[in-house]
């Protein structure tokens, strides 16, 4: 998992414009809500990149690349992280939260489960 440092593209008296992504093909944009304590994912994708932008709340994300140690990171409002193909990931809401997820790969609509591989042992 990589945390992405966002920088404003434009700022003036009206406010700020920040580009989350540039020059990326996105196949699905999803909002996921979490009740406090809810755990989601515990899977990996063979083809899908997944960018996660925290809209509200606090989420612990646990990731693991093949043959590497687990990494636990607390992400909060306005944090932006990406998981890559082959990277196992699980998310647990520390408090009620909302997450904006942008994906590149077979992940949205009828393809939602086509590139999802459940872990034998949860992270």
PDB file of N, CA and C in Angstrom:
ATOM      1  N   UNK A   1       0.839  -1.157   0.000  1.00  0.00           N
ATOM      2  CA  UNK A   1       0.000   0.000   0.000  1.00  0.00           C
ATOM      3  C   UNK A   1       0.889   1.226   0.000  1.00  0.00           C
ATOM      4  N   UNK A   2       0.482   2.186  -0.757  1.00  0.00           N
ATOM      5  CA  UNK A   2       1.228   3.428  -0.837  1.00  0.00           C
ATOM      6  C   UNK A   2       0.284   4.573  -0.489  1.00  0.00           C
ATOM      7  N   UNK A   3       0.715   5.436   0.411  1.00  0.00           N
ATOM      8  CA  UNK A   3      -0.044   6.632   0.733  1.00  0.00           C
ATOM      9  C   UNK A   3       0.334   7.705  -0.278  1.00  0.00           C
ATOM     10  N   UNK A   4      -0.669   8.366  -0.830  1.00  0.00           N
ATOM     11  CA  UNK A   4      -0.450   9.364  -1.865  1.00  0.00           C
ATOM     12  C   UNK A   4      -0.557  10.752  -1.237  1.00  0.00           C
ATOM     13  N   UNK A   5       0.465  11.573  -1.434  1.00  0.00           N
ATOM     14  CA  UNK A   5       0.484  12.935  -0.915  1.00  0.00           C
ATOM     15  C   UNK A   5      -0.242  13.835  -1.912  1.00  0.00           C
ATOM     16  N   UNK A   6      -1.425  14.288  -1.534  1.00  0.00           N
ATOM     17  CA  UNK A   6      -2.220  15.143  -2.417  1.00  0.00           C
ATOM     18  C   UNK A   6      -1.801  16.599  -2.262  1.00  0.00           C
ATOM     19  N   UNK A   7      -1.715  17.297  -3.397  1.00  0.00           N
ATOM     20  CA  UNK A   7      -1.405  18.715  -3.394  1.00  0.00           C
ATOM     21  C   UNK A   7      -2.453  19.440  -4.220  1.00  0.00           C
ATOM     22  N   UNK A   8      -2.881  20.616  -3.772  1.00  0.00           N
ATOM     23  CA  UNK A   8      -3.881  21.363  -4.540  1.00  0.00           C
ATOM     24  C   UNK A   8      -3.393  21.681  -5.950  1.00  0.00           C
ATOM     25  N   UNK A   9      -4.289  21.548  -6.921  1.00  0.00           N
ATOM     26  CA  UNK A   9      -3.991  21.933  -8.297  1.00  0.00           C
ATOM     27  C   UNK A   9      -4.256  23.429  -8.483  1.00  0.00           C
ATOM     28  N   UNK A  10      -5.201  23.959  -7.697  1.00  0.00           N
ATOM     29  CA  UNK A  10      -5.552  25.377  -7.809  1.00  0.00           C
ATOM     30  C   UNK A  10      -6.178  25.832  -6.499  1.00  0.00           C
ATOM     31  N   UNK A  11      -5.789  27.010  -6.050  1.00  0.00           N
ATOM     32  CA  UNK A  11      -6.357  27.610  -4.846  1.00  0.00           C
ATOM     33  C   UNK A  11      -6.627  29.084  -5.113  1.00  0.00           C
ATOM     34  N   UNK A  12      -7.813  29.554  -4.734  1.00  0.00           N
ATOM     35  CA  UNK A  12      -8.118  30.981  -4.778  1.00  0.00           C
ATOM     36  C   UNK A  12      -9.154  31.295  -3.701  1.00  0.00           C
ATOM     37  N   UNK A  13      -9.716  32.469  -3.725  1.00  0.00           N
ATOM     38  CA  UNK A  13     -10.651  32.881  -2.678  1.00  0.00           C
ATOM     39  C   UNK A  13     -11.909  32.016  -2.622  1.00  0.00           C
ATOM     40  N   UNK A  14     -12.195  31.297  -3.678  1.00  0.00           N
ATOM     41  CA  UNK A  14     -13.387  30.436  -3.704  1.00  0.00           C
ATOM     42  C   UNK A  14     -13.159  29.108  -3.019  1.00  0.00           C
ATOM     43  N   UNK A  15     -11.896  28.693  -2.895  1.00  0.00           N
ATOM     44  CA  UNK A  15     -11.585  27.409  -2.295  1.00  0.00           C
ATOM     45  C   UNK A  15     -10.417  26.730  -2.989  1.00  0.00           C
ATOM     46  N   UNK A  16     -10.407  25.393  -2.902  1.00  0.00           N
ATOM     47  CA  UNK A  16      -9.275  24.602  -3.379  1.00  0.00           C
ATOM     48  C   UNK A  16      -9.777  23.518  -4.331  1.00  0.00           C
ATOM     49  N   UNK A  17      -9.011  23.271  -5.388  1.00  0.00           N
ATOM     50  CA  UNK A  17      -9.257  22.144  -6.299  1.00  0.00           C
ATOM     51  C   UNK A  17      -8.074  21.198  -6.166  1.00  0.00           C
ATOM     52  N   UNK A  18      -8.360  19.945  -5.825  1.00  0.00           N
ATOM     53  CA  UNK A  18      -7.314  18.931  -5.693  1.00  0.00           C
ATOM     54  C   UNK A  18      -7.659  17.753  -6.593  1.00  0.00           C
ATOM     55  N   UNK A  19      -6.769  17.431  -7.513  1.00  0.00           N
ATOM     56  CA  UNK A  19      -6.945  16.260  -8.373  1.00  0.00           C
ATOM     57  C   UNK A  19      -6.532  15.025  -7.594  1.00  0.00           C
ATOM     58  N   UNK A  20      -7.427  14.040  -7.502  1.00  0.00           N
ATOM     59  CA  UNK A  20      -7.056  12.783  -6.863  1.00  0.00           C
ATOM     60  C   UNK A  20      -6.180  11.951  -7.793  1.00  0.00           C
ATOM     61  N   UNK A  21      -6.561  11.870  -9.055  1.00  0.00           N
ATOM     62  CA  UNK A  21      -5.797  11.101 -10.037  1.00  0.00           C
ATOM     63  C   UNK A  21      -5.700  11.876 -11.336  1.00  0.00           C
ATOM     64  N   UNK A  22      -4.607  11.635 -12.059  1.00  0.00           N
ATOM     65  CA  UNK A  22      -4.433  12.175 -13.401  1.00  0.00           C
ATOM     66  C   UNK A  22      -3.905  11.071 -14.291  1.00  0.00           C
ATOM     67  N   UNK A  23      -4.370  11.042 -15.517  1.00  0.00           N
ATOM     68  CA  UNK A  23      -3.859  10.105 -16.517  1.00  0.00           C
ATOM     69  C   UNK A  23      -4.016   8.645 -16.119  1.00  0.00           C
ATOM     70  N   UNK A  24      -5.121   8.316 -15.452  1.00  0.00           N
ATOM     71  CA  UNK A  24      -5.430   6.932 -15.085  1.00  0.00           C
ATOM     72  C   UNK A  24      -6.785   6.556 -15.666  1.00  0.00           C
ATOM     73  N   UNK A  25      -6.896   5.327 -16.137  1.00  0.00           N
ATOM     74  CA  UNK A  25      -8.184   4.789 -16.571  1.00  0.00           C
ATOM     75  C   UNK A  25      -8.896   4.252 -15.332  1.00  0.00           C
ATOM     76  N   UNK A  26     -10.125   4.703 -15.110  1.00  0.00           N
ATOM     77  CA  UNK A  26     -10.901   4.258 -13.957  1.00  0.00           C
ATOM     78  C   UNK A  26     -12.123   3.497 -14.478  1.00  0.00           C
ATOM     79  N   UNK A  27     -12.343   2.292 -13.951  1.00  0.00           N
ATOM     80  CA  UNK A  27     -13.465   1.462 -14.383  1.00  0.00           C
ATOM     81  C   UNK A  27     -14.650   1.507 -13.435  1.00  0.00           C
ATOM     82  N   UNK A  28     -14.432   1.930 -12.202  1.00  0.00           N
ATOM     83  CA  UNK A  28     -15.547   2.006 -11.250  1.00  0.00           C
ATOM     84  C   UNK A  28     -15.206   3.028 -10.169  1.00  0.00           C
ATOM     85  N   UNK A  29     -16.243   3.741  -9.734  1.00  0.00           N
ATOM     86  CA  UNK A  29     -16.134   4.672  -8.614  1.00  0.00           C
ATOM     87  C   UNK A  29     -17.216   4.267  -7.624  1.00  0.00           C
ATOM     88  N   UNK A  30     -16.821   4.002  -6.383  1.00  0.00           N
ATOM     89  CA  UNK A  30     -17.728   3.417  -5.401  1.00  0.00           C
ATOM     90  C   UNK A  30     -17.598   4.146  -4.073  1.00  0.00           C
ATOM     91  N   UNK A  31     -18.709   4.314  -3.367  1.00  0.00           N
ATOM     92  CA  UNK A  31     -18.676   4.807  -1.995  1.00  0.00           C
ATOM     93  C   UNK A  31     -19.056   3.654  -1.083  1.00  0.00           C
ATOM     94  N   UNK A  32     -18.229   3.418  -0.072  1.00  0.00           N
ATOM     95  CA  UNK A  32     -18.474   2.337   0.883  1.00  0.00           C
ATOM     96  C   UNK A  32     -18.647   2.955   2.261  1.00  0.00           C
ATOM     97  N   UNK A  33     -19.720   2.581   2.942  1.00  0.00           N
ATOM     98  CA  UNK A  33     -19.920   3.036   4.314  1.00  0.00           C
ATOM     99  C   UNK A  33     -19.528   1.918   5.276  1.00  0.00           C
ATOM    100  N   UNK A  34     -19.049   2.324   6.436  1.00  0.00           N
ATOM    101  CA  UNK A  34     -18.610   1.399   7.470  1.00  0.00           C
ATOM    102  C   UNK A  34     -19.282   1.771   8.786  1.00  0.00           C
ATOM    103  N   UNK A  35     -19.902   0.817   9.440  1.00  0.00           N
ATOM    104  CA  UNK A  35     -20.312   1.001  10.824  1.00  0.00           C
ATOM    105  C   UNK A  35     -19.057   0.825  11.682  1.00  0.00           C
ATOM    106  N   UNK A  36     -19.031   1.455  12.834  1.00  0.00           N
ATOM    107  CA  UNK A  36     -17.885   1.314  13.733  1.00  0.00           C
ATOM    108  C   UNK A  36     -17.618  -0.170  13.990  1.00  0.00           C
ATOM    109  N   UNK A  37     -16.363  -0.586  13.825  1.00  0.00           N
ATOM    110  CA  UNK A  37     -15.967  -1.969  14.045  1.00  0.00           C
ATOM    111  C   UNK A  37     -16.128  -2.882  12.844  1.00  0.00           C
ATOM    112  N   UNK A  38     -16.772  -2.405  11.788  1.00  0.00           N
ATOM    113  CA  UNK A  38     -16.988  -3.241  10.600  1.00  0.00           C
ATOM    114  C   UNK A  38     -15.657  -3.553   9.916  1.00  0.00           C
ATOM    115  N   UNK A  39     -15.544  -4.790   9.429  1.00  0.00           N
ATOM    116  CA  UNK A  39     -14.356  -5.228   8.694  1.00  0.00           C
ATOM    117  C   UNK A  39     -14.789  -5.571   7.273  1.00  0.00           C
ATOM    118  N   UNK A  40     -14.049  -5.051   6.317  1.00  0.00           N
ATOM    119  CA  UNK A  40     -14.333  -5.332   4.904  1.00  0.00           C
ATOM    120  C   UNK A  40     -13.056  -5.825   4.227  1.00  0.00           C
ATOM    121  N   UNK A  41     -13.260  -6.462   3.113  1.00  0.00           N
ATOM    122  CA  UNK A  41     -12.197  -6.945   2.220  1.00  0.00           C
ATOM    123  C   UNK A  41     -11.654  -8.291   2.686  1.00  0.00           C
ATOM    124  N   UNK A  42     -10.430  -8.350   3.220  1.00  0.00           N
ATOM    125  CA  UNK A  42      -9.755  -9.619   3.474  1.00  0.00           C
ATOM    126  C   UNK A  42      -9.666 -10.432   2.185  1.00  0.00           C
ATOM    127  N   UNK A  43      -9.166  -9.742   1.160  1.00  0.00           N
ATOM    128  CA  UNK A  43      -8.998 -10.366  -0.147  1.00  0.00           C
ATOM    129  C   UNK A  43      -7.868  -9.656  -0.901  1.00  0.00           C
ATOM    130  N   UNK A  44      -7.624 -10.125  -2.118  1.00  0.00           N
ATOM    131  CA  UNK A  44      -6.696  -9.445  -3.021  1.00  0.00           C
ATOM    132  C   UNK A  44      -7.284  -9.525  -4.416  1.00  0.00           C
ATOM    133  N   UNK A  45      -6.686  -8.766  -5.323  1.00  0.00           N
ATOM    134  CA  UNK A  45      -7.102  -8.759  -6.724  1.00  0.00           C
ATOM    135  C   UNK A  45      -5.883  -9.104  -7.582  1.00  0.00           C
ATOM    136  N   UNK A  46      -6.102  -9.870  -8.621  1.00  0.00           N
ATOM    137  CA  UNK A  46      -4.997 -10.224  -9.516  1.00  0.00           C
ATOM    138  C   UNK A  46      -4.719  -9.120 -10.534  1.00  0.00           C
ATOM    139  N   UNK A  47      -5.757  -8.348 -10.907  1.00  0.00           N
ATOM    140  CA  UNK A  47      -5.605  -7.337 -11.959  1.00  0.00           C
ATOM    141  C   UNK A  47      -5.940  -5.918 -11.516  1.00  0.00           C
ATOM    142  N   UNK A  48      -6.634  -5.754 -10.412  1.00  0.00           N
ATOM    143  CA  UNK A  48      -7.230  -4.470 -10.058  1.00  0.00           C
ATOM    144  C   UNK A  48      -6.352  -3.621  -9.151  1.00  0.00           C
ATOM    145  N   UNK A  49      -6.229  -2.344  -9.536  1.00  0.00           N
ATOM    146  CA  UNK A  49      -5.660  -1.299  -8.683  1.00  0.00           C
ATOM    147  C   UNK A  49      -6.827  -0.654  -7.958  1.00  0.00           C
ATOM    148  N   UNK A  50      -6.647  -0.327  -6.684  1.00  0.00           N
ATOM    149  CA  UNK A  50      -7.739   0.243  -5.902  1.00  0.00           C
ATOM    150  C   UNK A  50      -7.224   1.450  -5.117  1.00  0.00           C
ATOM    151  N   UNK A  51      -7.733   2.634  -5.482  1.00  0.00           N
ATOM    152  CA  UNK A  51      -7.406   3.854  -4.764  1.00  0.00           C
ATOM    153  C   UNK A  51      -8.510   4.110  -3.746  1.00  0.00           C
ATOM    154  N   UNK A  52      -8.133   4.417  -2.509  1.00  0.00           N
ATOM    155  CA  UNK A  52      -9.082   4.611  -1.414  1.00  0.00           C
ATOM    156  C   UNK A  52      -8.906   6.010  -0.838  1.00  0.00           C
ATOM    157  N   UNK A  53      -9.977   6.805  -0.868  1.00  0.00           N
ATOM    158  CA  UNK A  53      -9.959   8.163  -0.338  1.00  0.00           C
ATOM    159  C   UNK A  53     -10.960   8.234   0.810  1.00  0.00           C
ATOM    160  N   UNK A  54     -10.488   8.579   2.000  1.00  0.00           N
ATOM    161  CA  UNK A  54     -11.356   8.617   3.171  1.00  0.00           C
ATOM    162  C   UNK A  54     -12.174   9.906   3.149  1.00  0.00           C
ATOM    163  N   UNK A  55     -13.493   9.741   3.035  1.00  0.00           N
ATOM    164  CA  UNK A  55     -14.408  10.886   3.063  1.00  0.00           C
ATOM    165  C   UNK A  55     -14.681  11.335   4.494  1.00  0.00           C
ATOM    166  N   UNK A  56     -14.797  10.364   5.403  1.00  0.00           N
ATOM    167  CA  UNK A  56     -15.034  10.684   6.812  1.00  0.00           C
ATOM    168  C   UNK A  56     -14.635   9.493   7.664  1.00  0.00           C
ATOM    169  N   UNK A  57     -14.313   9.776   8.935  1.00  0.00           N
ATOM    170  CA  UNK A  57     -14.020   8.715   9.879  1.00  0.00           C
ATOM    171  C   UNK A  57     -12.565   8.319   9.938  1.00  0.00           C
ATOM    172  N   UNK A  58     -12.332   7.145  10.549  1.00  0.00           N
ATOM    173  CA  UNK A  58     -10.996   6.578  10.713  1.00  0.00           C
ATOM    174  C   UNK A  58     -11.070   5.096  10.376  1.00  0.00           C
ATOM    175  N   UNK A  59     -10.127   4.641   9.569  1.00  0.00           N
ATOM    176  CA  UNK A  59     -10.102   3.256   9.119  1.00  0.00           C
ATOM    177  C   UNK A  59      -8.690   2.710   9.280  1.00  0.00           C
ATOM    178  N   UNK A  60      -8.589   1.515   9.867  1.00  0.00           N
ATOM    179  CA  UNK A  60      -7.306   0.819   9.904  1.00  0.00           C
ATOM    180  C   UNK A  60      -7.251  -0.067   8.664  1.00  0.00           C
ATOM    181  N   UNK A  61      -6.227   0.144   7.841  1.00  0.00           N
ATOM    182  CA  UNK A  61      -6.041  -0.698   6.665  1.00  0.00           C
ATOM    183  C   UNK A  61      -4.824  -1.579   6.912  1.00  0.00           C
ATOM    184  N   UNK A  62      -5.005  -2.862   6.686  1.00  0.00           N
ATOM    185  CA  UNK A  62      -3.924  -3.833   6.831  1.00  0.00           C
ATOM    186  C   UNK A  62      -3.639  -4.374   5.430  1.00  0.00           C
ATOM    187  N   UNK A  63      -2.393  -4.314   5.017  1.00  0.00           N
ATOM    188  CA  UNK A  63      -2.015  -4.779   3.687  1.00  0.00           C
ATOM    189  C   UNK A  63      -0.848  -5.751   3.799  1.00  0.00           C
ATOM    190  N   UNK A  64      -0.728  -6.592   2.773  1.00  0.00           N
ATOM    191  CA  UNK A  64       0.393  -7.524   2.735  1.00  0.00           C
ATOM    192  C   UNK A  64       0.674  -7.912   1.292  1.00  0.00           C
ATOM    193  N   UNK A  65       1.882  -7.617   0.852  1.00  0.00           N
ATOM    194  CA  UNK A  65       2.338  -8.084  -0.452  1.00  0.00           C
ATOM    195  C   UNK A  65       2.854  -9.507  -0.297  1.00  0.00           C
ATOM    196  N   UNK A  66       2.850 -10.297  -1.362  1.00  0.00           N
ATOM    197  CA  UNK A  66       3.334 -11.676  -1.263  1.00  0.00           C
ATOM    198  C   UNK A  66       4.749 -11.739  -0.665  1.00  0.00           C
ATOM    199  N   UNK A  67       4.944 -12.651   0.278  1.00  0.00           N
ATOM    200  CA  UNK A  67       6.233 -12.894   0.925  1.00  0.00           C
ATOM    201  C   UNK A  67       6.776 -11.694   1.692  1.00  0.00           C
ATOM    202  N   UNK A  68       5.871 -10.824   2.136  1.00  0.00           N
ATOM    203  CA  UNK A  68       6.273  -9.656   2.925  1.00  0.00           C
ATOM    204  C   UNK A  68       5.491  -9.640   4.235  1.00  0.00           C
ATOM    205  N   UNK A  69       5.922  -8.803   5.149  1.00  0.00           N
ATOM    206  CA  UNK A  69       5.236  -8.633   6.423  1.00  0.00           C
ATOM    207  C   UNK A  69       3.950  -7.815   6.231  1.00  0.00           C
ATOM    208  N   UNK A  70       2.993  -8.007   7.134  1.00  0.00           N
ATOM    209  CA  UNK A  70       1.785  -7.192   7.145  1.00  0.00           C
ATOM    210  C   UNK A  70       2.142  -5.768   7.534  1.00  0.00           C
ATOM    211  N   UNK A  71       1.400  -4.818   6.969  1.00  0.00           N
ATOM    212  CA  UNK A  71       1.564  -3.405   7.309  1.00  0.00           C
ATOM    213  C   UNK A  71       0.204  -2.881   7.750  1.00  0.00           C
ATOM    214  N   UNK A  72       0.151  -2.274   8.944  1.00  0.00           N
ATOM    215  CA  UNK A  72      -1.075  -1.664   9.449  1.00  0.00           C
ATOM    216  C   UNK A  72      -0.924  -0.156   9.426  1.00  0.00           C
ATOM    217  N   UNK A  73      -1.921   0.524   8.855  1.00  0.00           N
ATOM    218  CA  UNK A  73      -1.886   1.975   8.739  1.00  0.00           C
ATOM    219  C   UNK A  73      -3.251   2.532   9.107  1.00  0.00           C
ATOM    220  N   UNK A  74      -3.262   3.595   9.897  1.00  0.00           N
ATOM    221  CA  UNK A  74      -4.501   4.287  10.215  1.00  0.00           C
ATOM    222  C   UNK A  74      -4.685   5.396   9.194  1.00  0.00           C
ATOM    223  N   UNK A  75      -5.823   5.375   8.496  1.00  0.00           N
ATOM    224  CA  UNK A  75      -6.119   6.433   7.538  1.00  0.00           C
ATOM    225  C   UNK A  75      -7.349   7.194   8.020  1.00  0.00           C
ATOM    226  N   UNK A  76      -7.305   8.510   7.834  1.00  0.00           N
ATOM    227  CA  UNK A  76      -8.369   9.386   8.312  1.00  0.00           C
ATOM    228  C   UNK A  76      -8.819  10.310   7.182  1.00  0.00           C
ATOM    229  N   UNK A  77      -9.801  11.145   7.478  1.00  0.00           N
ATOM    230  CA  UNK A  77     -10.393  12.027   6.470  1.00  0.00           C
ATOM    231  C   UNK A  77      -9.327  12.691   5.599  1.00  0.00           C
ATOM    232  N   UNK A  78      -9.529  12.593   4.291  1.00  0.00           N
ATOM    233  CA  UNK A  78      -8.678  13.156   3.233  1.00  0.00           C
ATOM    234  C   UNK A  78      -7.413  12.351   2.961  1.00  0.00           C
ATOM    235  N   UNK A  79      -7.194  11.225   3.652  1.00  0.00           N
ATOM    236  CA  UNK A  79      -6.067  10.364   3.301  1.00  0.00           C
ATOM    237  C   UNK A  79      -6.409   9.590   2.035  1.00  0.00           C
ATOM    238  N   UNK A  80      -5.386   9.326   1.223  1.00  0.00           N
ATOM    239  CA  UNK A  80      -5.554   8.687  -0.077  1.00  0.00           C
ATOM    240  C   UNK A  80      -4.474   7.625  -0.212  1.00  0.00           C
ATOM    241  N   UNK A  81      -4.876   6.357  -0.354  1.00  0.00           N
ATOM    242  CA  UNK A  81      -3.930   5.247  -0.454  1.00  0.00           C
ATOM    243  C   UNK A  81      -4.306   4.355  -1.632  1.00  0.00           C
ATOM    244  N   UNK A  82      -3.332   3.643  -2.152  1.00  0.00           N
ATOM    245  CA  UNK A  82      -3.576   2.728  -3.265  1.00  0.00           C
ATOM    246  C   UNK A  82      -3.069   1.340  -2.905  1.00  0.00           C
ATOM    247  N   UNK A  83      -3.860   0.317  -3.264  1.00  0.00           N
ATOM    248  CA  UNK A  83      -3.400  -1.064  -3.203  1.00  0.00           C
ATOM    249  C   UNK A  83      -3.257  -1.552  -4.641  1.00  0.00           C
ATOM    250  N   UNK A  84      -2.265  -2.402  -4.859  1.00  0.00           N
ATOM    251  CA  UNK A  84      -1.921  -2.848  -6.205  1.00  0.00           C
ATOM    252  C   UNK A  84      -2.306  -4.316  -6.390  1.00  0.00           C
ATOM    253  N   UNK A  85      -2.350  -4.803  -7.638  1.00  0.00           N
ATOM    254  CA  UNK A  85      -2.652  -6.210  -7.859  1.00  0.00           C
ATOM    255  C   UNK A  85      -1.728  -7.113  -7.040  1.00  0.00           C
ATOM    256  N   UNK A  86      -2.314  -8.145  -6.438  1.00  0.00           N
ATOM    257  CA  UNK A  86      -1.567  -9.104  -5.639  1.00  0.00           C
ATOM    258  C   UNK A  86      -1.404  -8.706  -4.185  1.00  0.00           C
ATOM    259  N   UNK A  87      -1.804  -7.494  -3.835  1.00  0.00           N
ATOM    260  CA  UNK A  87      -1.642  -7.006  -2.462  1.00  0.00           C
ATOM    261  C   UNK A  87      -2.902  -7.323  -1.652  1.00  0.00           C
ATOM    262  N   UNK A  88      -2.777  -8.191  -0.672  1.00  0.00           N
ATOM    263  CA  UNK A  88      -3.907  -8.507   0.212  1.00  0.00           C
ATOM    264  C   UNK A  88      -4.231  -7.277   1.035  1.00  0.00           C
ATOM    265  N   UNK A  89      -5.534  -7.069   1.288  1.00  0.00           N
ATOM    266  CA  UNK A  89      -5.920  -5.906   2.074  1.00  0.00           C
ATOM    267  C   UNK A  89      -7.208  -6.177   2.849  1.00  0.00           C
ATOM    268  N   UNK A  90      -7.275  -5.548   4.017  1.00  0.00           N
ATOM    269  CA  UNK A  90      -8.465  -5.591   4.868  1.00  0.00           C
ATOM    270  C   UNK A  90      -8.616  -4.209   5.479  1.00  0.00           C
ATOM    271  N   UNK A  91      -9.868  -3.809   5.693  1.00  0.00           N
ATOM    272  CA  UNK A  91     -10.156  -2.505   6.272  1.00  0.00           C
ATOM    273  C   UNK A  91     -11.081  -2.676   7.460  1.00  0.00           C
ATOM    274  N   UNK A  92     -10.746  -1.993   8.578  1.00  0.00           N
ATOM    275  CA  UNK A  92     -11.587  -2.039   9.763  1.00  0.00           C
ATOM    276  C   UNK A  92     -11.882  -0.616  10.209  1.00  0.00           C
ATOM    277  N   UNK A  93     -13.168  -0.307  10.387  1.00  0.00           N
ATOM    278  CA  UNK A  93     -13.569   1.032  10.794  1.00  0.00           C
ATOM    279  C   UNK A  93     -13.329   1.224  12.284  1.00  0.00           C
ATOM    280  N   UNK A  94     -12.488   2.187  12.621  1.00  0.00           N
ATOM    281  CA  UNK A  94     -12.248   2.551  14.007  1.00  0.00           C
ATOM    282  C   UNK A  94     -13.449   3.328  14.537  1.00  0.00           C
ATOM    283  N   UNK A  95     -14.112   4.041  13.633  1.00  0.00           N
ATOM    284  CA  UNK A  95     -15.355   4.754  13.916  1.00  0.00           C
ATOM    285  C   UNK A  95     -16.187   4.736  12.645  1.00  0.00           C
ATOM    286  N   UNK A  96     -17.428   5.165  12.726  1.00  0.00           N
ATOM    287  CA  UNK A  96     -18.267   5.211  11.521  1.00  0.00           C
ATOM    288  C   UNK A  96     -17.516   5.993  10.452  1.00  0.00           C
ATOM    289  N   UNK A  97     -17.453   5.431   9.234  1.00  0.00           N
ATOM    290  CA  UNK A  97     -16.603   5.999   8.189  1.00  0.00           C
ATOM    291  C   UNK A  97     -17.236   5.852   6.818  1.00  0.00           C
ATOM    292  N   UNK A  98     -16.748   6.661   5.884  1.00  0.00           N
ATOM    293  CA  UNK A  98     -17.101   6.525   4.470  1.00  0.00           C
ATOM    294  C   UNK A  98     -15.829   6.599   3.648  1.00  0.00           C
ATOM    295  N   UNK A  99     -15.781   5.763   2.620  1.00  0.00           N
ATOM    296  CA  UNK A  99     -14.607   5.624   1.777  1.00  0.00           C
ATOM    297  C   UNK A  99     -15.023   5.744   0.318  1.00  0.00           C
ATOM    298  N   UNK A 100     -14.312   6.569  -0.439  1.00  0.00           N
ATOM    299  CA  UNK A 100     -14.490   6.657  -1.881  1.00  0.00           C
ATOM    300  C   UNK A 100     -13.437   5.756  -2.504  1.00  0.00           C
ATOM    301  N   UNK A 101     -13.874   4.804  -3.325  1.00  0.00           N
ATOM    302  CA  UNK A 101     -12.959   3.837  -3.928  1.00  0.00           C
ATOM    303  C   UNK A 101     -12.995   3.999  -5.445  1.00  0.00           C
ATOM    304  N   UNK A 102     -11.825   4.193  -6.032  1.00  0.00           N
ATOM    305  CA  UNK A 102     -11.675   4.279  -7.483  1.00  0.00           C
ATOM    306  C   UNK A 102     -10.887   3.058  -7.922  1.00  0.00           C
ATOM    307  N   UNK A 103     -11.398   2.329  -8.896  1.00  0.00           N
ATOM    308  CA  UNK A 103     -10.711   1.104  -9.299  1.00  0.00           C
ATOM    309  C   UNK A 103     -10.399   1.087 -10.787  1.00  0.00           C
ATOM    310  N   UNK A 104      -9.266   0.492 -11.092  1.00  0.00           N
ATOM    311  CA  UNK A 104      -8.871   0.208 -12.475  1.00  0.00           C
ATOM    312  C   UNK A 104      -8.756  -1.298 -12.568  1.00  0.00           C
ATOM    313  N   UNK A 105      -9.635  -1.903 -13.359  1.00  0.00           N
ATOM    314  CA  UNK A 105      -9.663  -3.348 -13.485  1.00  0.00           C
ATOM    315  C   UNK A 105     -11.090  -3.839 -13.325  1.00  0.00           C
ATOM    316  N   UNK A 106     -11.291  -5.134 -13.467  1.00  0.00           N
ATOM    317  CA  UNK A 106     -12.645  -5.700 -13.378  1.00  0.00           C
ATOM    318  C   UNK A 106     -13.166  -5.703 -11.946  1.00  0.00           C
ATOM    319  N   UNK A 107     -13.901  -4.657 -11.561  1.00  0.00           N
ATOM    320  CA  UNK A 107     -14.328  -4.557 -10.167  1.00  0.00           C
ATOM    321  C   UNK A 107     -15.746  -4.021 -10.015  1.00  0.00           C
ATOM    322  N   UNK A 108     -16.272  -3.263 -10.945  1.00  0.00           N
ATOM    323  CA  UNK A 108     -17.571  -2.627 -10.761  1.00  0.00           C
ATOM    324  C   UNK A 108     -18.724  -3.402 -11.364  1.00  0.00           C
ATOM    325  N   UNK A 109     -19.949  -3.076 -10.910  1.00  0.00           N
ATOM    326  CA  UNK A 109     -21.170  -3.659 -11.464  1.00  0.00           C
ATOM    327  C   UNK A 109     -21.175  -5.171 -11.406  1.00  0.00           C
ATOM    328  N   UNK A 110     -21.510  -5.816 -12.523  1.00  0.00           N
ATOM    329  CA  UNK A 110     -21.564  -7.281 -12.587  1.00  0.00           C
ATOM    330  C   UNK A 110     -20.195  -7.933 -12.413  1.00  0.00           C
ATOM    331  N   UNK A 111     -19.132  -7.145 -12.597  1.00  0.00           N
ATOM    332  CA  UNK A 111     -17.767  -7.677 -12.457  1.00  0.00           C
ATOM    333  C   UNK A 111     -17.236  -7.584 -11.033  1.00  0.00           C
ATOM    334  N   UNK A 112     -18.079  -7.185 -10.095  1.00  0.00           N
ATOM    335  CA  UNK A 112     -17.627  -6.874  -8.743  1.00  0.00           C
ATOM    336  C   UNK A 112     -16.776  -7.984  -8.121  1.00  0.00           C
ATOM    337  N   UNK A 113     -17.159  -9.229  -8.307  1.00  0.00           N
ATOM    338  CA  UNK A 113     -16.436 -10.345  -7.681  1.00  0.00           C
ATOM    339  C   UNK A 113     -15.491 -11.077  -8.639  1.00  0.00           C
ATOM    340  N   UNK A 114     -15.431 -10.668  -9.908  1.00  0.00           N
ATOM    341  CA  UNK A 114     -14.626 -11.410 -10.886  1.00  0.00           C
ATOM    342  C   UNK A 114     -13.134 -11.415 -10.583  1.00  0.00           C
ATOM    343  N   UNK A 115     -12.637 -10.361  -9.949  1.00  0.00           N
ATOM    344  CA  UNK A 115     -11.207 -10.263  -9.658  1.00  0.00           C
ATOM    345  C   UNK A 115     -10.969 -10.172  -8.151  1.00  0.00           C
ATOM    346  N   UNK A 116     -11.831 -10.831  -7.386  1.00  0.00           N
ATOM    347  CA  UNK A 116     -11.715 -10.833  -5.931  1.00  0.00           C
ATOM    348  C   UNK A 116     -11.385 -12.248  -5.466  1.00  0.00           C
ATOM    349  N   UNK A 117     -10.289 -12.375  -4.731  1.00  0.00           N
ATOM    350  CA  UNK A 117      -9.841 -13.670  -4.254  1.00  0.00           C
ATOM    351  C   UNK A 117      -9.744 -13.600  -2.726  1.00  0.00           C
ATOM    352  N   UNK A 118     -10.659 -14.302  -2.065  1.00  0.00           N
ATOM    353  CA  UNK A 118     -10.747 -14.282  -0.598  1.00  0.00           C
ATOM    354  C   UNK A 118      -9.522 -14.946   0.023  1.00  0.00           C
ATOM    355  N   UNK A 119      -9.110 -14.405   1.153  1.00  0.00           N
ATOM    356  CA  UNK A 119      -7.961 -14.959   1.874  1.00  0.00           C
ATOM    357  C   UNK A 119      -8.382 -16.146   2.708  1.00  0.00           C
ATOM    358  N   UNK A 120      -7.547 -17.165   2.759  1.00  0.00           N
ATOM    359  CA  UNK A 120      -7.810 -18.321   3.608  1.00  0.00           C
ATOM    360  C   UNK A 120      -7.760 -17.931   5.086  1.00  0.00           C
ATOM    361  N   UNK A 121      -6.875 -16.979   5.414  1.00  0.00           N
ATOM    362  CA  UNK A 121      -6.727 -16.506   6.773  1.00  0.00           C
ATOM    363  C   UNK A 121      -6.836 -14.991   6.771  1.00  0.00           C
ATOM    364  N   UNK A 122      -7.827 -14.438   7.454  1.00  0.00           N
ATOM    365  CA  UNK A 122      -8.008 -12.972   7.458  1.00  0.00           C
ATOM    366  C   UNK A 122      -6.763 -12.246   7.967  1.00  0.00           C
ATOM    367  N   UNK A 123      -6.532 -11.059   7.418  1.00  0.00           N
ATOM    368  CA  UNK A 123      -5.419 -10.230   7.877  1.00  0.00           C
ATOM    369  C   UNK A 123      -5.740  -9.700   9.272  1.00  0.00           C
TER     370      UNK A 123
END
